C-alpha cells in the first residue's frame, strides 16, 4: 500500500520539540515518502505539495500537524484535487497533543513516532468511502395558522412546494380573528383576513386543523414528523356555513361562529347526542352530502419535510402575577385580548360595552406596560401595546362621545407616522388623561362603588379597567434543530403587517436553502450486521438522533439521520454495529501500531 506522510513544522512550533530527522529514519521504509513542509496549510506551499505527491499514485496520506478540527476540511479538499479519496487521509495532531505539552524533545519525538505508526496501521485497514447523496424533500410544514403562517404557506405554495399548514385549533387566524379594527389606521380586520383565508382554501396548501406535531427528527432537507389530527367532524371544504344544522340541533351542539375562519360548522362532542346513538338530524338536514361526518377518527400521519416554519405566535403575560391590579379578582377588569373580543361586533357581547351591573361606563382606565419594562417580569418593551391602547381610545370615543378615558403609561413607543397620528388624536382629546408612572408597584386597585386606582398620593376613579400585558415570545421545542425556521411573533412582538412581512421573508430564506435536489452527507455512518443482531432494541433507545427504527422486529437504520456519533456501536452487546471510518478492526490496528512502536523502543531495537 502506497502511503505518504507530510510533516508540518508549523513555522517551527512543532520542530522545536520533535525531530523530523529521527521520525524520518524510523519510518521511511514503511512509506512511499515522508516530507517536511514549513506550513502545509498555506496557499504558498500548496503547489510544492502537489509536486511532492505528484505521480506517486498514493493510496493514502497522513498529515502530521495540528488538530483535525482546525485543518481537517482543508486537507480533505486538497486530497480531492490530488485524486486521493478524502477518507484515506488521516490527520495526526502532533502540535496540541505532543509539541505543546511535552517539553522533553526525546519524549516528544517518541510520542510522535508512536502516533504515526498507529495512523499507518489504521490506514492499511481503511477503505475509500463515497459521500452519500440524500434526496431533499420538497414538502414544507408550516406550524401555526395565524397571519404569519398563512402568509408563508401561500408564498411557498406559489413557488411550487407541497405545503402542509398545521394548526392546533379548529380555526385559522390565531389572535387576529379576535380583532375588528387594526391599528394604526383602524382598518377592517375581517375585510383583510377573510380573502386571505379564501385564497388559502383554494390553494394547493394541505390543511391540518385540530392537529399537533407528535414527533420530529432529522435535519434540514430531511425532517421526519408525525402529525396527530383529532376529528372535527365537519369537512371545511364542503361545509357552506348555511346554519341549517345549527337550527335543527336540539342540544345546540353544532354552531356557526362568525368570528372563526373558515366560517364552517363546529361540533361540541360533549353535548352532541349522535355519540349516544340518539340523534342525526344535522346529517339528514345538511344540504351538502358528506359535509358532516361523525365517523371521522383521530389519526397519525408520517410525513417527510425539507423544512419547517414555526409560526405559533405570542403569549400574553399573566396579569395575575401583579396582584395589586386585582385582575381575576373583580369583574370589569380585562386584558387587552379580552377587551378586543368585547368591542368586536361579532364577539360574544356583539360589541356592546356594559359593566357587570349592566351599565354603560362613564370612565375607563387603560394601564400600559403590565409586565413590560419591568426587571421583575419582562425587562423589554412589548412594542405594540401603545398602538392598540390608543386604538381602543379611538374606538371608545366613537361609541361614547362623553366617556372619560385615563391612560397610565410608563413609556410611550410609537414607531412611524401613522402610529403618531393615532396617539395625537388621543393627546388632543379633552376627555383623555395621560398619567405617567415609574413602577407598576406605584399602582394599586381597590373596589368600591367604582374602581379606585391609587397612584402614589393620587386617586383616580374608573368603571372599567383594561390591562395591556407584556407580549411574550411563543415556544418552539425544536428551535435548535437544523431545518426549523421561526417566523412571526413567536420570535418577538410584531404588528400584523410586520408578521406578514416576516412570514414572506422567512419563506424566501427557506426556498434558498432547499434549491438543490439532494444533500451531500458524510459516509461516516453506521452499518449493521443482521446475522449478529439479536434485535434487543438497546440501540434504538440509545440513539440521540432517533435514526434507528424497529422494522419487522429488526433495527432499521435511517442513514439520512445518522450523525456517526457511535453511541449505538458502544452499546450493542452483540457487536453487530460498526461505524464506517471507525471500525473495530481499524481502531484495534491503530492501538496495536502504537503499542508495537513502544515495544521497539523498549527492547532497544529502536533507539532515539
Protein backbone atom coordinates (compact mmCIF):
# COMPACT_ATOMS: atom_id res chain seq x y z
CA UNK A 1 0.00 0.00 0.00
CA UNK A 2 1.41 3.39 -1.07
CA UNK A 3 1.29 5.75 1.94
CA UNK A 4 2.78 9.25 2.01
CA UNK A 5 3.41 11.43 5.06
CA UNK A 6 3.52 15.21 5.25
CA UNK A 7 5.33 16.51 8.34
CA UNK A 8 4.27 20.12 9.00
CA UNK A 9 6.79 22.04 11.13
CA UNK A 10 4.12 24.74 11.75
CA UNK A 11 6.68 27.52 11.37
CA UNK A 12 8.97 25.85 13.92
CA UNK A 13 6.36 25.33 16.63
CA UNK A 14 6.49 21.56 16.12
CA UNK A 15 10.15 21.00 15.13
CA UNK A 16 11.27 22.90 18.24
CA UNK A 17 10.17 19.84 20.23
CA UNK A 18 10.01 16.99 17.66
CA UNK A 19 12.91 15.81 15.50
CA UNK A 20 11.84 15.30 11.88
CA UNK A 21 15.13 13.54 11.06
CA UNK A 22 14.53 10.92 13.77
CA UNK A 23 10.94 10.34 12.59
CA UNK A 24 12.19 10.02 9.03
CA UNK A 25 14.88 7.49 10.00
CA UNK A 26 12.39 5.37 11.93
CA UNK A 27 9.62 5.24 9.34
CA UNK A 28 10.91 5.88 5.81
CA UNK A 29 10.99 2.15 4.97
CA UNK A 30 7.27 1.92 5.74
CA UNK A 31 6.32 4.76 3.41
CA UNK A 32 6.28 5.89 -0.21
CA UNK A 33 7.72 9.17 1.10
CA UNK A 34 7.85 11.42 4.18
CA UNK A 35 8.46 15.13 3.60
CA UNK A 36 8.84 18.13 5.92
CA UNK A 37 6.93 21.32 5.00
CA UNK A 38 7.14 24.58 6.92
CA UNK A 39 3.39 25.39 6.70
CA UNK A 40 1.48 22.61 4.96
CA UNK A 41 -1.81 24.52 5.09
CA UNK A 42 -0.56 27.71 3.41
CA UNK A 43 -1.61 28.52 -0.13
CA UNK A 44 2.02 29.39 -0.86
CA UNK A 45 3.10 25.76 -0.25
CA UNK A 46 0.12 24.15 -1.95
CA UNK A 47 1.83 23.83 -5.32
CA UNK A 48 5.01 22.48 -3.68
CA UNK A 49 2.94 19.74 -2.02
CA UNK A 50 1.32 18.88 -5.33
CA UNK A 51 4.77 18.49 -6.88
CA UNK A 52 5.97 16.31 -3.98
CA UNK A 53 2.99 13.99 -4.14
CA UNK A 54 2.87 14.28 -7.94
CA UNK A 55 2.83 10.95 -9.75
CA UNK A 56 3.34 8.74 -6.70
CA UNK A 57 -0.17 7.25 -7.02
CA UNK A 58 -0.78 7.22 -3.27
CA UNK A 59 -3.44 5.01 -1.75
CA UNK A 60 -3.46 7.08 1.45
CA UNK A 61 -2.00 10.20 3.02
CA UNK A 62 -1.06 11.07 6.62
CA UNK A 63 -0.59 14.67 7.75
CA UNK A 64 1.44 15.23 10.93
CA UNK A 65 0.43 18.66 12.11
CA UNK A 66 -2.36 20.35 14.05
CA UNK A 67 -5.89 19.39 15.03
CA UNK A 68 -8.34 17.83 12.58
CA UNK A 69 -10.90 20.39 13.76
CA UNK A 70 -8.53 23.12 12.66
CA UNK A 71 -7.39 21.96 9.22
CA UNK A 72 -9.28 18.72 8.52
CA UNK A 73 -11.55 20.22 5.86
CA UNK A 74 -8.58 21.89 4.13
CA UNK A 75 -6.70 18.60 3.67
CA UNK A 76 -9.86 16.70 2.72
CA UNK A 77 -10.49 19.16 -0.12
CA UNK A 78 -6.80 19.19 -1.04
CA UNK A 79 -6.75 15.39 -1.29
CA UNK A 80 -9.64 15.52 -3.77
CA UNK A 81 -7.59 17.83 -6.01
CA UNK A 82 -4.79 15.24 -5.89
CA UNK A 83 -7.13 12.37 -6.74
CA UNK A 84 -6.81 10.78 -3.28
CA UNK A 85 -10.00 9.63 -1.58
CA UNK A 86 -10.51 12.10 1.32
CA UNK A 87 -11.46 9.24 3.65
CA UNK A 88 -7.99 7.78 3.11
CA UNK A 89 -6.41 10.84 4.71
CA UNK A 90 -5.50 10.73 8.41
CA UNK A 91 -4.53 13.79 10.40
CA UNK A 92 -2.33 13.19 13.44
CA UNK A 93 -2.33 16.05 15.93
CA UNK A 94 1.33 16.36 16.98
CA UNK A 95 1.09 20.06 17.76
CA UNK A 96 -1.54 20.31 20.57
CA UNK A 97 -1.18 16.66 21.68
CA UNK A 98 2.62 16.44 21.60
CA UNK A 99 4.73 19.54 20.94
CA UNK A 100 2.71 21.95 23.08
CA UNK A 101 2.51 19.61 26.09
CA UNK A 102 5.77 17.60 26.00
CA UNK A 103 8.85 19.74 26.66
CA UNK A 104 11.41 16.91 26.54
CA UNK A 105 12.37 16.58 22.85
CA UNK A 106 13.27 12.89 23.06
CA UNK A 107 9.95 12.00 24.71
CA UNK A 108 8.02 14.20 22.29
CA UNK A 109 9.73 12.56 19.28
CA UNK A 110 8.99 9.10 20.68
CA UNK A 111 5.35 10.03 21.21
CA UNK A 112 5.09 11.40 17.66
CA UNK A 113 6.62 8.17 16.31
CA UNK A 114 4.08 6.06 18.22
CA UNK A 115 1.12 8.11 16.96
CA UNK A 116 2.39 7.96 13.39
CA UNK A 117 2.80 4.16 13.50
CA UNK A 118 -0.74 3.87 14.84
CA UNK A 119 -2.04 6.03 11.99
CA UNK A 120 -0.14 3.93 9.41
CA UNK A 121 -1.58 0.64 10.70
CA UNK A 122 -5.05 2.16 10.83
CA UNK A 123 -4.76 3.47 7.26
CA UNK A 124 -3.84 -0.01 6.00
CA UNK A 125 -7.28 -1.20 7.10
CA UNK A 126 -9.25 1.79 5.85
CA UNK A 127 -11.11 1.75 2.57
CA UNK A 128 -12.13 4.56 0.22
CA UNK A 129 -15.59 5.89 1.03
CA UNK A 130 -18.00 7.80 -1.16
CA UNK A 131 -20.07 10.68 0.19
CA UNK A 132 -23.77 9.91 0.45
CA UNK A 133 -26.36 11.71 -1.64
CA UNK A 134 -29.60 12.15 0.31
CA UNK A 135 -32.66 13.40 -1.62
CA UNK A 136 -34.14 16.68 -0.34
CA UNK A 137 -37.84 16.54 0.49
CA UNK A 138 -40.00 19.02 -1.42
CA UNK A 139 -42.56 19.09 1.41
CA UNK A 140 -42.64 22.03 3.84
CA UNK A 141 -44.58 22.13 7.09
CA UNK A 142 -45.88 25.42 8.47
CA UNK A 143 -46.83 25.14 12.15
CA UNK A 144 -49.37 27.77 13.17
CA UNK A 145 -52.35 29.06 11.21
CA UNK A 146 -52.02 32.71 12.18
CA UNK A 147 -51.25 35.61 9.89
CA UNK A 148 -47.51 34.85 9.59
CA UNK A 149 -48.11 31.14 8.98
CA UNK A 150 -50.78 31.69 6.33
CA UNK A 151 -48.66 34.30 4.52
CA UNK A 152 -45.68 31.95 4.50
CA UNK A 153 -47.74 28.95 3.37
CA UNK A 154 -49.15 30.85 0.39
CA UNK A 155 -45.73 32.12 -0.73
CA UNK A 156 -44.19 28.64 -0.51
CA UNK A 157 -47.13 27.06 -2.30
CA UNK A 158 -46.90 29.58 -5.15
CA UNK A 159 -43.23 28.62 -5.52
CA UNK A 160 -44.09 25.02 -6.26
CA UNK A 161 -43.60 23.45 -2.84
CA UNK A 162 -46.00 20.95 -1.32
CA UNK A 163 -47.06 22.79 1.85
CA UNK A 164 -48.76 21.40 4.92
CA UNK A 165 -50.28 24.02 7.25
CA UNK A 166 -50.86 22.66 10.74
CA UNK A 167 -52.93 24.44 13.39
CA UNK A 168 -53.69 23.10 16.87
CA UNK A 169 -57.12 24.80 16.96
CA UNK A 170 -60.02 24.02 14.65
CA UNK A 171 -59.90 27.59 13.30
CA UNK A 172 -57.39 29.68 11.38
CA UNK A 173 -56.20 33.19 12.10
CA UNK A 174 -54.74 32.92 15.59
CA UNK A 175 -55.31 36.07 17.61
CA UNK A 176 -56.05 38.26 14.58
CA UNK A 177 -59.57 36.83 14.25
CA UNK A 178 -60.46 38.45 17.59
CA UNK A 179 -59.71 41.92 16.20
CA UNK A 180 -62.32 44.03 14.43
CA UNK A 181 -60.06 47.01 13.77
CA UNK A 182 -56.34 47.06 13.09
CA UNK A 183 -54.04 49.83 14.26
CA UNK A 184 -52.77 52.33 13.33
CA UNK A 185 -55.42 53.33 10.79
CA UNK A 186 -58.37 51.34 12.24
CA UNK A 187 -58.77 49.34 9.03
CA UNK A 188 -61.28 46.46 8.95
CA UNK A 189 -59.56 43.26 10.12
CA UNK A 190 -62.12 40.74 8.70
CA UNK A 191 -62.12 42.61 5.35
CA UNK A 192 -58.39 41.99 5.16
CA UNK A 193 -58.26 38.50 6.65
CA UNK A 194 -61.28 36.76 5.09
CA UNK A 195 -59.95 36.98 1.47
CA UNK A 196 -56.61 35.62 2.71
CA UNK A 197 -58.34 32.54 4.16
CA UNK A 198 -60.35 32.09 0.96
CA UNK A 199 -57.13 32.21 -1.05
CA UNK A 200 -55.64 29.61 1.27
CA UNK A 201 -58.64 27.27 0.97
CA UNK A 202 -58.46 27.48 -2.80
CA UNK A 203 -54.70 26.93 -2.97
CA UNK A 204 -52.71 23.69 -3.03
CA UNK A 205 -51.85 24.06 0.68
CA UNK A 206 -52.90 20.95 2.62
CA UNK A 207 -54.57 21.97 5.89
CA UNK A 208 -54.34 20.02 9.14
CA UNK A 209 -56.62 21.65 11.72
CA UNK A 210 -57.00 20.35 15.26
CA UNK A 211 -53.50 18.94 14.85
CA UNK A 212 -50.23 18.76 16.74
CA UNK A 213 -46.70 17.64 15.90
CA UNK A 214 -46.37 14.43 17.83
CA UNK A 215 -42.76 13.62 16.93
CA UNK A 216 -39.95 15.18 14.93
CA UNK A 217 -36.48 14.03 13.96
CA UNK A 218 -33.98 14.73 11.24
CA UNK A 219 -32.39 17.89 9.88
CA UNK A 220 -32.70 20.45 7.05
CA UNK A 221 -33.69 18.66 3.85
CA UNK A 222 -34.85 15.53 5.65
CA UNK A 223 -37.13 16.01 8.63
CA UNK A 224 -39.42 13.18 9.66
CA UNK A 225 -42.56 14.19 11.53
CA UNK A 226 -45.71 12.58 12.86
CA UNK A 227 -48.79 14.83 12.73
CA UNK A 228 -51.60 13.86 15.07
CA UNK A 229 -55.01 15.10 13.90
CA UNK A 230 -58.14 14.91 16.02
CA UNK A 231 -61.53 14.82 14.28
CA UNK A 232 -63.55 17.98 13.69
CA UNK A 233 -66.48 16.01 12.17
CA UNK A 234 -67.05 18.77 9.58
CA UNK A 235 -65.36 18.92 6.18
CA UNK A 236 -64.24 22.54 5.85
CA UNK A 237 -64.04 22.20 2.06
CA UNK A 238 -67.67 21.01 1.81
CA UNK A 239 -69.46 22.96 4.54
CA UNK A 240 -71.07 26.15 3.17
CA UNK A 241 -71.83 27.71 6.57
CA UNK A 242 -75.59 27.83 5.94
CA UNK A 243 -76.55 27.22 9.64
CA UNK A 244 -79.23 24.61 8.80
CA UNK A 245 -77.53 22.14 11.14
CA UNK A 246 -77.47 24.73 13.91
CA UNK A 247 -81.19 25.41 13.58
CA UNK A 248 -82.21 21.72 13.89
CA UNK A 249 -79.81 20.67 16.68
CA UNK A 250 -81.78 20.11 19.92
CA UNK A 251 -78.62 20.45 22.05
CA UNK A 252 -77.00 23.43 20.29
CA UNK A 253 -74.03 21.12 19.88
CA UNK A 254 -73.23 22.33 16.35
CA UNK A 255 -72.82 26.02 15.61
CA UNK A 256 -71.51 28.54 13.12
CA UNK A 257 -69.16 31.05 14.76
CA UNK A 258 -68.96 34.19 12.57
CA UNK A 259 -65.64 35.09 14.23
CA UNK A 260 -63.98 31.83 13.22
CA UNK A 261 -62.23 31.19 9.93
CA UNK A 262 -63.09 29.32 7.86
CA UNK A 263 -66.72 30.04 8.70
CA UNK A 264 -67.97 26.46 8.95
CA UNK A 265 -69.98 24.48 11.49
CA UNK A 266 -68.17 23.27 14.59
CA UNK A 267 -69.23 20.34 16.75
CA UNK A 268 -69.13 20.18 20.53
CA UNK A 269 -68.71 16.44 21.06
CA UNK A 270 -69.56 16.66 24.77
CA UNK A 271 -73.03 17.99 24.00
CA UNK A 272 -73.74 16.05 20.80
CA UNK A 273 -76.38 13.28 21.08
CA UNK A 274 -75.12 11.43 17.99
CA UNK A 275 -72.41 9.74 20.03
CA UNK A 276 -75.09 8.40 22.36
CA UNK A 277 -76.95 6.99 19.36
CA UNK A 278 -79.91 9.36 19.87
CA UNK A 279 -79.77 11.94 17.07
CA UNK A 280 -78.57 12.54 13.49
CA UNK A 281 -80.79 15.47 12.49
CA UNK A 282 -77.88 17.62 11.35
CA UNK A 283 -76.71 14.96 8.88
CA UNK A 284 -80.24 14.48 7.50
CA UNK A 285 -80.89 18.21 7.08
CA UNK A 286 -77.46 19.24 5.75
CA UNK A 287 -77.82 20.27 2.08
CA UNK A 288 -74.29 19.13 1.22
CA UNK A 289 -73.67 15.40 1.35
CA UNK A 290 -70.64 14.43 3.36
CA UNK A 291 -70.13 17.86 4.95
CA UNK A 292 -70.82 16.32 8.38
CA UNK A 293 -69.04 13.06 9.13
CA UNK A 294 -69.25 11.66 12.65
CA UNK A 295 -67.24 8.59 11.63
CA UNK A 296 -64.07 10.66 11.35
CA UNK A 297 -61.32 9.25 13.57
CA UNK A 298 -58.14 10.55 15.17
CA UNK A 299 -55.14 9.72 13.01
CA UNK A 300 -51.34 9.91 12.88
CA UNK A 301 -49.54 10.76 9.62
CA UNK A 302 -45.84 10.18 8.99
CA UNK A 303 -44.61 12.87 6.60
CA UNK A 304 -41.11 13.76 5.37
CA UNK A 305 -40.33 17.50 5.22
CA UNK A 306 -37.49 19.55 3.80
CA UNK A 307 -38.03 22.32 6.34
CA UNK A 308 -40.48 23.55 8.97
CA UNK A 309 -41.63 27.12 9.55
CA UNK A 310 -42.67 27.63 13.17
CA UNK A 311 -45.30 30.38 13.38
CA UNK A 312 -47.19 29.70 16.61
CA UNK A 313 -47.43 33.35 17.70
CA UNK A 314 -47.06 35.04 21.06
CA UNK A 315 -48.35 34.59 24.59
CA UNK A 316 -49.58 37.28 26.96
CA UNK A 317 -48.11 37.96 30.37
CA UNK A 318 -50.31 36.62 33.16
CA UNK A 319 -51.63 39.75 34.86
CA UNK A 320 -52.50 37.76 37.97
CA UNK A 321 -48.79 37.91 38.85
CA UNK A 322 -49.27 41.59 39.74
CA UNK A 323 -51.82 41.09 42.50
CA UNK A 324 -52.25 44.81 43.25
CA UNK A 325 -54.08 45.23 39.95
CA UNK A 326 -56.72 42.70 41.09
CA UNK A 327 -57.10 41.02 37.70
CA UNK A 328 -59.07 37.80 38.09
CA UNK A 329 -60.45 39.04 41.42
CA UNK A 330 -63.00 41.61 40.23
CA UNK A 331 -65.21 41.72 37.17
CA UNK A 332 -64.82 44.62 34.74
CA UNK A 333 -61.01 44.25 34.70
CA UNK A 334 -59.97 42.97 31.27
CA UNK A 335 -56.77 42.10 29.47
CA UNK A 336 -56.28 43.69 26.05
CA UNK A 337 -57.26 40.46 24.22
CA UNK A 338 -60.43 40.12 26.28
CA UNK A 339 -61.30 43.74 25.53
CA UNK A 340 -60.72 43.13 21.79
CA UNK A 341 -63.45 40.49 21.95
CA UNK A 342 -65.70 42.78 23.95
CA UNK A 343 -65.61 45.62 21.39
CA UNK A 344 -65.93 43.26 18.41
CA UNK A 345 -69.44 43.47 16.91
CA UNK A 346 -69.19 39.77 16.02
CA UNK A 347 -67.99 38.86 19.51
CA UNK A 348 -69.92 37.39 22.45
CA UNK A 349 -71.36 40.78 23.50
CA UNK A 350 -71.90 41.93 19.88
CA UNK A 351 -69.73 44.96 20.59
CA UNK A 352 -71.85 46.22 23.46
CA UNK A 353 -69.78 47.54 26.36
CA UNK A 354 -71.53 47.32 29.71
CA UNK A 355 -70.27 46.94 33.27
CA UNK A 356 -71.09 43.89 35.38
CA UNK A 357 -74.09 45.91 36.67
CA UNK A 358 -75.35 46.27 33.08
CA UNK A 359 -74.49 49.97 32.91
CA UNK A 360 -72.67 51.99 30.28
CA UNK A 361 -69.32 53.05 31.77
CA UNK A 362 -68.60 56.73 32.39
CA UNK A 363 -64.86 56.26 32.93
CA UNK A 364 -62.44 53.64 31.59
CA UNK A 365 -58.80 53.28 32.65
CA UNK A 366 -56.16 51.72 30.39
CA UNK A 367 -52.96 50.61 32.15
CA UNK A 368 -49.95 50.22 29.84
CA UNK A 369 -46.78 48.14 30.32
CA UNK A 370 -48.25 45.50 32.64
CA UNK A 371 -45.25 43.19 32.99
CA UNK A 372 -43.19 45.09 30.36
CA UNK A 373 -40.15 47.27 31.08
CA UNK A 374 -40.03 45.57 34.45
CA UNK A 375 -36.92 43.86 35.82
CA UNK A 376 -39.14 41.54 37.90
CA UNK A 377 -41.03 40.27 34.85
CA UNK A 378 -40.10 41.23 31.26
CA UNK A 379 -37.38 43.90 31.01
CA UNK A 380 -38.10 44.77 27.37
CA UNK A 381 -40.73 46.95 25.68
CA UNK A 382 -43.56 44.93 24.11
CA UNK A 383 -43.63 47.35 21.16
CA UNK A 384 -47.29 47.07 20.06
CA UNK A 385 -49.15 47.89 23.31
CA UNK A 386 -49.19 51.68 22.97
CA UNK A 387 -50.69 51.45 19.50
CA UNK A 388 -53.52 49.10 20.41
CA UNK A 389 -54.18 51.08 23.63
CA UNK A 390 -54.69 54.28 21.65
CA UNK A 391 -56.70 52.28 19.10
CA UNK A 392 -59.05 51.40 21.99
CA UNK A 393 -59.19 55.12 22.76
CA UNK A 394 -60.38 55.92 19.23
CA UNK A 395 -62.94 53.11 19.16
CA UNK A 396 -64.34 54.04 22.58
CA UNK A 397 -64.60 57.69 21.61
CA UNK A 398 -66.65 56.81 18.53
CA UNK A 399 -69.00 54.73 20.71
CA UNK A 400 -69.24 57.06 23.73
CA UNK A 401 -68.68 60.77 22.96
CA UNK A 402 -68.79 61.70 26.68
CA UNK A 403 -66.67 58.85 28.02
CA UNK A 404 -63.65 59.82 30.12
CA UNK A 405 -60.51 57.77 29.47
CA UNK A 406 -57.36 57.61 31.60
CA UNK A 407 -54.10 56.12 30.26
CA UNK A 408 -51.49 55.08 32.82
CA UNK A 409 -48.20 54.89 30.92
CA UNK A 410 -44.62 54.02 31.86
CA UNK A 411 -43.18 54.89 28.43
CA UNK A 412 -44.80 55.70 25.09
CA UNK A 413 -43.46 53.93 21.97
CA UNK A 414 -44.96 54.98 18.65
CA UNK A 415 -42.89 53.98 15.60
CA UNK A 416 -43.87 55.65 12.35
CA UNK A 417 -46.08 58.49 11.17
CA UNK A 418 -49.40 56.65 11.36
CA UNK A 419 -48.76 55.50 14.93
CA UNK A 420 -48.05 59.09 15.94
CA UNK A 421 -51.29 60.26 14.28
CA UNK A 422 -53.18 57.65 16.29
CA UNK A 423 -51.64 58.91 19.51
CA UNK A 424 -52.06 62.61 18.74
CA UNK A 425 -55.83 62.24 18.40
CA UNK A 426 -55.95 60.91 21.97
CA UNK A 427 -53.49 63.52 23.18
CA UNK A 428 -55.71 66.32 21.86
CA UNK A 429 -58.91 64.82 23.27
CA UNK A 430 -60.07 66.96 26.24
CA UNK A 431 -61.69 63.91 27.89
CA UNK A 432 -58.46 61.92 27.88
CA UNK A 433 -55.87 61.98 30.67
CA UNK A 434 -52.40 60.51 30.32
CA UNK A 435 -50.73 59.75 33.66
CA UNK A 436 -47.10 58.66 33.76
CA UNK A 437 -45.97 56.17 36.42
CA UNK A 438 -42.46 54.93 37.14
CA UNK A 439 -43.09 51.49 38.61
CA UNK A 440 -46.10 49.17 38.45
CA UNK A 441 -45.85 48.87 42.25
CA UNK A 442 -46.91 52.52 42.40
CA UNK A 443 -50.36 51.46 41.15
CA UNK A 444 -53.00 49.55 43.09
CA UNK A 445 -56.69 48.88 42.52
CA UNK A 446 -59.47 48.93 45.10
CA UNK A 447 -63.16 48.25 44.62
CA UNK A 448 -65.89 50.50 45.98
CA UNK A 449 -68.90 51.82 44.11
CA UNK A 450 -66.41 52.12 41.26
CA UNK A 451 -62.76 51.12 40.92
CA UNK A 452 -60.26 53.29 42.77
CA UNK A 453 -56.81 53.36 41.18
CA UNK A 454 -54.19 54.55 43.65
CA UNK A 455 -51.09 56.19 42.20
CA UNK A 456 -48.68 57.30 44.92
CA UNK A 457 -50.68 60.12 46.62
CA UNK A 458 -53.38 60.41 43.95
CA UNK A 459 -56.64 58.53 43.46
CA UNK A 460 -58.45 58.01 40.17
CA UNK A 461 -61.91 56.53 39.65
CA UNK A 462 -62.99 54.21 36.87
CA UNK A 463 -65.92 51.92 36.00
CA UNK A 464 -63.79 49.57 33.91
CA UNK A 465 -60.06 48.77 33.61
CA UNK A 466 -58.14 47.46 30.60
CA UNK A 467 -54.67 45.99 31.19
CA UNK A 468 -52.00 45.91 28.45
CA UNK A 469 -49.91 42.82 29.28
CA UNK A 470 -46.35 42.17 28.13
CA UNK A 471 -46.04 40.27 24.87
CA UNK A 472 -44.05 37.09 25.49
CA UNK A 473 -42.43 35.06 22.72
CA UNK A 474 -44.02 31.71 21.96
CA UNK A 475 -42.18 28.45 22.43
CA UNK A 476 -40.68 26.04 19.92
CA UNK A 477 -39.44 22.76 21.42
CA UNK A 478 -37.36 22.11 18.29
CA UNK A 479 -35.80 25.58 17.93
CA UNK A 480 -32.22 24.31 18.00
CA UNK A 481 -32.82 21.63 15.35
CA UNK A 482 -31.47 22.14 11.84
CA UNK A 483 -34.28 22.87 9.39
CA UNK A 484 -36.55 24.76 11.81
CA UNK A 485 -37.23 28.41 10.91
CA UNK A 486 -39.07 30.69 13.33
CA UNK A 487 -41.32 33.38 11.87
CA UNK A 488 -43.74 35.99 13.14
CA UNK A 489 -44.40 36.91 16.76
CA UNK A 490 -43.16 33.56 18.07
CA UNK A 491 -39.78 35.36 17.88
CA UNK A 492 -40.81 38.73 19.32
CA UNK A 493 -43.73 41.16 19.37
CA UNK A 494 -44.77 42.20 15.85
CA UNK A 495 -47.57 44.17 14.28
CA UNK A 496 -49.85 42.41 11.81
CA UNK A 497 -48.02 43.95 8.84
CA UNK A 498 -44.63 43.02 10.32
CA UNK A 499 -45.78 39.42 10.83
CA UNK A 500 -46.85 39.20 7.18
CA UNK A 501 -43.54 40.65 6.01
CA UNK A 502 -41.56 38.31 8.25
CA UNK A 503 -43.54 35.29 7.04
CA UNK A 504 -42.70 36.17 3.44
CA UNK A 505 -39.04 36.89 4.22
CA UNK A 506 -38.50 33.61 6.08
CA UNK A 507 -40.24 31.76 3.22
CA UNK A 508 -37.64 33.17 0.82
CA UNK A 509 -34.89 32.04 3.20
CA UNK A 510 -36.33 28.51 3.28
CA UNK A 511 -36.59 28.39 -0.52
CA UNK A 512 -32.94 29.42 -0.82
CA UNK A 513 -31.92 26.52 1.46
CA UNK A 514 -33.93 23.95 -0.49
CA UNK A 515 -32.83 24.83 -4.02
CA UNK A 516 -30.92 21.61 -4.68
CA UNK A 517 -32.40 18.17 -5.20
CA UNK A 518 -30.02 16.45 -2.81
CA UNK A 519 -27.86 16.91 0.27
CA UNK A 520 -24.29 15.63 0.34
CA UNK A 521 -23.68 13.74 3.58
CA UNK A 522 -20.57 12.26 5.16
CA UNK A 523 -20.26 8.48 4.67
CA UNK A 524 -19.08 8.12 8.28
CA UNK A 525 -22.31 6.43 9.33
CA UNK A 526 -23.18 3.11 10.92
CA UNK A 527 -23.83 -0.23 9.29
CA UNK A 528 -25.40 -3.29 10.91
CA UNK A 529 -24.69 -6.99 10.54
CA UNK A 530 -28.16 -8.56 10.81
CA UNK A 531 -26.57 -12.01 11.19
CA UNK A 532 -25.18 -10.90 14.55
CA UNK A 533 -28.09 -8.66 15.62
CA UNK A 534 -30.38 -10.13 18.31
CA UNK A 535 -32.98 -7.33 17.99
CA UNK A 536 -32.57 -6.42 21.67
CA UNK A 537 -33.55 -2.79 20.93
CA UNK A 538 -30.81 -1.18 23.05
CA UNK A 539 -29.51 0.83 20.08
CA UNK A 540 -32.99 2.25 19.43
CA UNK A 541 -33.22 3.57 22.99
CA UNK A 542 -29.67 4.95 22.97
CA UNK A 543 -29.67 6.81 19.62
CA UNK A 544 -29.92 10.58 20.31
CA UNK A 545 -30.91 11.31 16.69
CA UNK A 546 -33.74 8.74 16.51
CA UNK A 547 -32.01 7.30 13.44
CA UNK A 548 -32.96 3.72 14.29
CA UNK A 549 -36.46 2.27 13.99
CA UNK A 550 -37.85 -1.17 14.58
CA UNK A 551 -38.92 -2.71 11.27
CA UNK A 552 -40.27 -6.29 11.21
CA UNK A 553 -38.74 -6.87 14.66
CA UNK A 554 -35.30 -5.77 13.43
CA UNK A 555 -33.50 -2.42 13.76
CA UNK A 556 -33.61 -0.35 10.60
CA UNK A 557 -31.05 2.46 10.31
CA UNK A 558 -32.20 5.74 8.73
CA UNK A 559 -28.83 6.73 7.27
CA UNK A 560 -30.06 10.24 6.44
CA UNK A 561 -30.45 10.88 10.18
CA UNK A 562 -27.30 9.16 11.42
CA UNK A 563 -24.61 11.60 12.62
CA UNK A 564 -21.94 8.96 13.23
CA UNK A 565 -21.72 9.56 16.98
CA UNK A 566 -21.02 5.85 17.67
CA UNK A 567 -23.26 5.51 20.73
CA UNK A 568 -25.10 2.56 19.18
CA UNK A 569 -21.75 0.88 18.41
CA UNK A 570 -20.62 1.12 22.01
CA UNK A 571 -23.97 0.00 23.41
CA UNK A 572 -24.52 -3.07 21.17
CA UNK A 573 -23.91 -6.22 23.28
CA UNK A 574 -23.73 -8.41 20.15
CA UNK A 575 -21.12 -6.18 18.45
CA UNK A 576 -23.37 -6.17 15.40
CA UNK A 577 -22.89 -2.47 14.57
CA UNK A 578 -19.85 -0.82 13.03
CA UNK A 579 -19.15 2.84 12.24
CA UNK A 580 -17.65 3.45 8.79
CA UNK A 581 -14.20 5.01 9.13
CA UNK A 582 -14.00 3.93 12.78
CA UNK A 583 -14.45 0.16 12.62
CA UNK A 584 -13.25 -2.06 15.45
CA UNK A 585 -10.59 -3.50 13.14
CA UNK A 586 -9.24 -0.02 12.34
CA UNK A 587 -9.18 1.11 15.97
CA UNK A 588 -7.53 -2.11 17.14
CA UNK A 589 -4.91 -1.76 14.39
CA UNK A 590 -4.16 1.81 15.47
CA UNK A 591 -3.75 0.76 19.10
CA UNK A 592 -1.55 -2.17 18.08
CA UNK A 593 0.58 0.11 15.93
CA UNK A 594 1.17 2.43 18.90
CA UNK A 595 1.98 -0.45 21.26
CA UNK A 596 4.38 -2.09 18.79
CA UNK A 597 6.26 1.17 18.36
CA UNK A 598 6.65 1.44 22.13
CA UNK A 599 7.86 -2.18 22.34
CA UNK A 600 10.50 -1.46 19.69
CA UNK A 601 11.92 1.40 21.75
CA UNK A 602 11.83 -0.58 24.99
CA UNK A 603 13.75 -3.65 23.72
CA UNK A 604 16.46 -1.49 22.15
CA UNK A 605 15.66 -2.29 18.53
CA UNK A 606 14.68 1.34 18.09
CA UNK A 607 16.95 3.89 19.76
CA UNK A 608 16.11 7.59 19.56
